[in-house]
Amino acid sequence: MKQIILLALLSIFSLPAMAGSFYLGGGIYYTAVDEDFNGNNFDESDSTLGINLGYKFNNFIGLEAGYYDLGSYSRQWGNSQELSLDTDAVTLGAVGILPLSVLDLYAKVGAAYLDTEVNAIGLVYGNGSDSTTEAYGGVGGNLNLGSHVDLYLEYIVFDGDIAVDNIGLGIRAEF
C-alpha cells in the first residue's frame, strides 16, 4: 500500500514538469515559386511574413496553427502573356521536437488551406480565386535565448497546385 501511495504522490508532483505550454511566434520568410505555365517558366520570389500559435504538450510533441503570406508575384512573357499570383496559407499541423540543450530541432507536418488569386492574360488559366487544402511540411531549429524566448530558422514546403518553398527566420515566445 505504501508503494502505491508513493507512486501516486510522485505522479502528482511530476505533472507540472510534463504540463504543456503555449507559444506565439512570427518571422520573415524568403518565399519562392517555380512553376511552368503553358511552357513558360514562372520562377519568382518574394519576402513575406508568417505567424504561428502552438501548444507543446510536452518537450517532444506539439500542435501548431499558422498564417503565412506566400507572396505576390507577377511575370510577363512578351507583349501578350502575363500572370499575377497572390497566395496565402492557413495551417494546422503536428510538431515533433528533439530538445538538445540550447538548440531544439523540429519537424512539422499537416494540412494547409491555400488561397490563391490568379490574374492571367493570354494564358489558358483564367482569372479568379483558387482555394484548396493541401499537405505541408517543414523542418527547423530553435535557438533558446533564455527565459522562454527562441530564435527560429525553418524551411517549409507547401504542396498545392502551385509548389511554394519558404525559408524563415523569426522569434518565438513561450508562455
Protein backbone atom coordinates (compact mmCIF):
# COMPACT_ATOMS: atom_id res chain seq x y z
CA MET A 1 0.00 0.00 0.00
CA LYS A 2 2.85 2.40 0.83
CA GLN A 3 4.30 1.81 -2.64
CA ILE A 4 1.01 2.74 -4.30
CA ILE A 5 0.73 5.95 -2.25
CA LEU A 6 4.36 6.83 -3.02
CA LEU A 7 3.79 6.18 -6.73
CA ALA A 8 0.63 8.32 -6.70
CA LEU A 9 2.45 11.21 -4.96
CA LEU A 10 5.35 11.03 -7.39
CA SER A 11 2.90 11.08 -10.30
CA ILE A 12 1.08 14.13 -8.95
CA PHE A 13 4.29 16.07 -8.33
CA SER A 14 5.67 15.20 -11.77
CA LEU A 15 2.61 16.61 -13.59
CA PRO A 16 3.87 20.23 -13.63
CA ALA A 17 7.09 19.04 -15.29
CA MET A 18 5.01 17.40 -18.02
CA ALA A 19 2.45 20.19 -18.34
CA GLY A 20 2.25 21.88 -21.69
CA SER A 21 2.82 25.46 -22.74
CA PHE A 22 1.62 27.82 -25.45
CA TYR A 23 3.91 29.69 -27.83
CA LEU A 24 3.48 32.57 -30.23
CA GLY A 25 5.92 33.39 -33.00
CA GLY A 26 6.45 35.41 -36.11
CA GLY A 27 9.08 35.81 -38.74
CA ILE A 28 10.26 36.99 -42.11
CA TYR A 29 10.36 34.45 -44.93
CA TYR A 30 12.02 34.15 -48.30
CA THR A 31 9.32 32.55 -50.46
CA ALA A 32 9.95 31.02 -53.89
CA VAL A 33 7.60 29.78 -56.60
CA ASP A 34 8.92 27.76 -59.55
CA GLU A 35 6.24 26.51 -61.97
CA ASP A 36 5.61 26.14 -65.69
CA PHE A 37 2.51 27.80 -67.19
CA ASN A 38 1.84 26.90 -70.83
CA GLY A 39 5.52 26.17 -71.30
CA ASN A 40 6.54 29.49 -69.73
CA ASN A 41 8.84 29.30 -66.72
CA PHE A 42 7.46 31.17 -63.70
CA ASP A 43 10.39 31.43 -61.28
CA GLU A 44 9.72 34.22 -58.79
CA SER A 45 10.50 35.02 -55.15
CA ASP A 46 9.24 37.45 -52.52
CA SER A 47 9.89 38.49 -48.92
CA THR A 48 6.87 37.54 -46.82
CA LEU A 49 5.63 37.29 -43.23
CA GLY A 50 4.34 34.39 -41.16
CA ILE A 51 2.90 33.95 -37.67
CA ASN A 52 2.19 30.84 -35.64
CA LEU A 53 0.48 29.86 -32.41
CA GLY A 54 1.19 26.49 -30.90
CA TYR A 55 0.79 24.28 -27.89
CA LYS A 56 3.56 21.99 -26.67
CA PHE A 57 2.03 19.01 -24.85
CA ASN A 58 5.49 18.16 -23.53
CA ASN A 59 9.11 18.62 -24.66
CA PHE A 60 8.61 16.33 -27.68
CA ILE A 61 5.13 16.86 -29.20
CA GLY A 62 3.13 19.94 -30.16
CA LEU A 63 0.26 21.22 -32.24
CA GLU A 64 0.61 24.41 -34.30
CA ALA A 65 -1.65 26.75 -36.27
CA GLY A 66 -0.17 29.35 -38.57
CA TYR A 67 -0.78 32.02 -41.16
CA TYR A 68 1.72 32.57 -43.97
CA ASP A 69 1.61 35.28 -46.61
CA LEU A 70 3.12 33.34 -49.50
CA GLY A 71 3.71 36.41 -51.63
CA SER A 72 2.53 38.39 -54.62
CA TYR A 73 4.14 37.61 -57.96
CA SER A 74 3.84 38.97 -61.48
CA ARG A 75 5.53 37.83 -64.67
CA GLN A 76 5.16 38.88 -68.30
CA TRP A 77 6.23 36.93 -71.40
CA GLY A 78 6.38 39.12 -74.49
CA ASN A 79 3.51 41.54 -75.10
CA SER A 80 0.63 39.07 -74.97
CA GLN A 81 1.08 36.82 -71.91
CA GLU A 82 1.04 37.91 -68.27
CA LEU A 83 0.42 36.11 -64.98
CA SER A 84 -0.06 37.52 -61.48
CA LEU A 85 -0.44 35.42 -58.31
CA ASP A 86 -1.22 36.34 -54.70
CA THR A 87 -1.17 33.41 -52.27
CA ASP A 88 -1.85 32.91 -48.53
CA ALA A 89 -1.88 29.80 -46.35
CA VAL A 90 -3.56 28.91 -43.05
CA THR A 91 -2.05 25.80 -41.47
CA LEU A 92 -2.73 23.24 -38.77
CA GLY A 93 -0.18 20.56 -38.04
CA ALA A 94 1.66 18.32 -35.63
CA VAL A 95 5.15 19.22 -34.45
CA GLY A 96 7.77 16.70 -33.36
CA ILE A 97 10.58 18.18 -31.25
CA LEU A 98 14.06 16.89 -30.42
CA PRO A 99 15.39 19.00 -27.50
CA LEU A 100 19.19 19.37 -27.47
CA SER A 101 20.37 21.66 -24.67
CA VAL A 102 20.14 25.23 -26.05
CA LEU A 103 19.01 24.06 -29.50
CA ASP A 104 15.77 22.24 -30.33
CA LEU A 105 15.31 20.58 -33.72
CA TYR A 106 11.79 20.06 -35.02
CA ALA A 107 9.73 18.76 -37.91
CA LYS A 108 6.15 19.65 -38.67
CA VAL A 109 3.53 18.20 -40.97
CA GLY A 110 -0.12 18.93 -41.50
CA ALA A 111 -2.78 20.49 -43.69
CA ALA A 112 -2.67 23.93 -45.29
CA TYR A 113 -5.63 25.86 -46.63
CA LEU A 114 -4.16 27.73 -49.61
CA ASP A 115 -5.96 30.70 -51.15
CA THR A 116 -4.56 31.94 -54.47
CA GLU A 117 -5.78 34.90 -56.51
CA VAL A 118 -4.90 34.45 -60.19
CA ASN A 119 -4.89 37.10 -62.90
CA ALA A 120 -3.88 35.69 -66.29
CA ILE A 121 -3.75 37.39 -69.69
CA GLY A 122 -3.15 35.34 -72.83
CA LEU A 123 -2.75 32.06 -70.95
CA VAL A 124 -5.06 29.04 -70.65
CA TYR A 125 -5.53 29.86 -66.96
CA GLY A 126 -8.33 32.26 -66.24
CA ASN A 127 -8.78 34.96 -63.65
CA GLY A 128 -10.22 34.22 -60.25
CA SER A 129 -9.58 32.58 -56.94
CA ASP A 130 -8.46 29.04 -56.21
CA SER A 131 -8.76 27.64 -52.69
CA THR A 132 -7.51 24.18 -51.82
CA THR A 133 -6.47 22.17 -48.79
CA GLU A 134 -3.12 20.51 -49.31
CA ALA A 135 -0.31 18.93 -47.32
CA TYR A 136 2.60 20.93 -45.97
CA GLY A 137 5.73 20.00 -44.08
CA GLY A 138 8.87 21.53 -42.71
CA VAL A 139 11.97 21.24 -40.59
CA GLY A 140 13.70 23.76 -38.39
CA GLY A 141 15.57 24.64 -35.28
CA ASN A 142 15.01 26.85 -32.22
CA LEU A 143 17.94 28.54 -30.52
CA ASN A 144 16.87 29.01 -26.89
CA LEU A 145 17.76 32.59 -25.94
CA GLY A 146 16.61 32.07 -22.36
CA SER A 147 13.55 32.97 -20.33
CA HIS A 148 11.08 31.37 -22.78
CA VAL A 149 12.28 33.18 -25.92
CA ASP A 150 13.60 31.35 -29.00
CA LEU A 151 15.11 32.41 -32.30
CA TYR A 152 13.96 30.02 -35.05
CA LEU A 153 15.05 29.13 -38.56
CA GLU A 154 12.79 26.88 -40.61
CA TYR A 155 12.17 25.52 -44.09
CA ILE A 156 8.55 24.82 -45.12
CA VAL A 157 7.15 23.32 -48.32
CA PHE A 158 3.54 23.89 -49.38
CA ASP A 159 2.48 21.23 -51.88
CA GLY A 160 -0.55 22.78 -53.56
CA ASP A 161 -1.48 23.32 -57.20
CA ILE A 162 1.50 25.69 -57.19
CA ALA A 163 4.51 24.45 -55.20
CA VAL A 164 5.84 27.07 -52.78
CA ASP A 165 9.06 26.88 -50.71
CA ASN A 166 9.65 29.05 -47.61
CA ILE A 167 12.78 29.73 -45.58
CA GLY A 168 12.05 31.78 -42.49
CA LEU A 169 13.81 33.43 -39.57
CA GLY A 170 11.82 34.61 -36.59
CA ILE A 171 11.30 34.87 -32.87
CA ARG A 172 9.02 32.76 -30.69
CA ALA A 173 7.87 33.33 -27.10
CA GLU A 174 6.61 30.55 -24.84
CA PHE A 175 4.12 31.20 -22.06
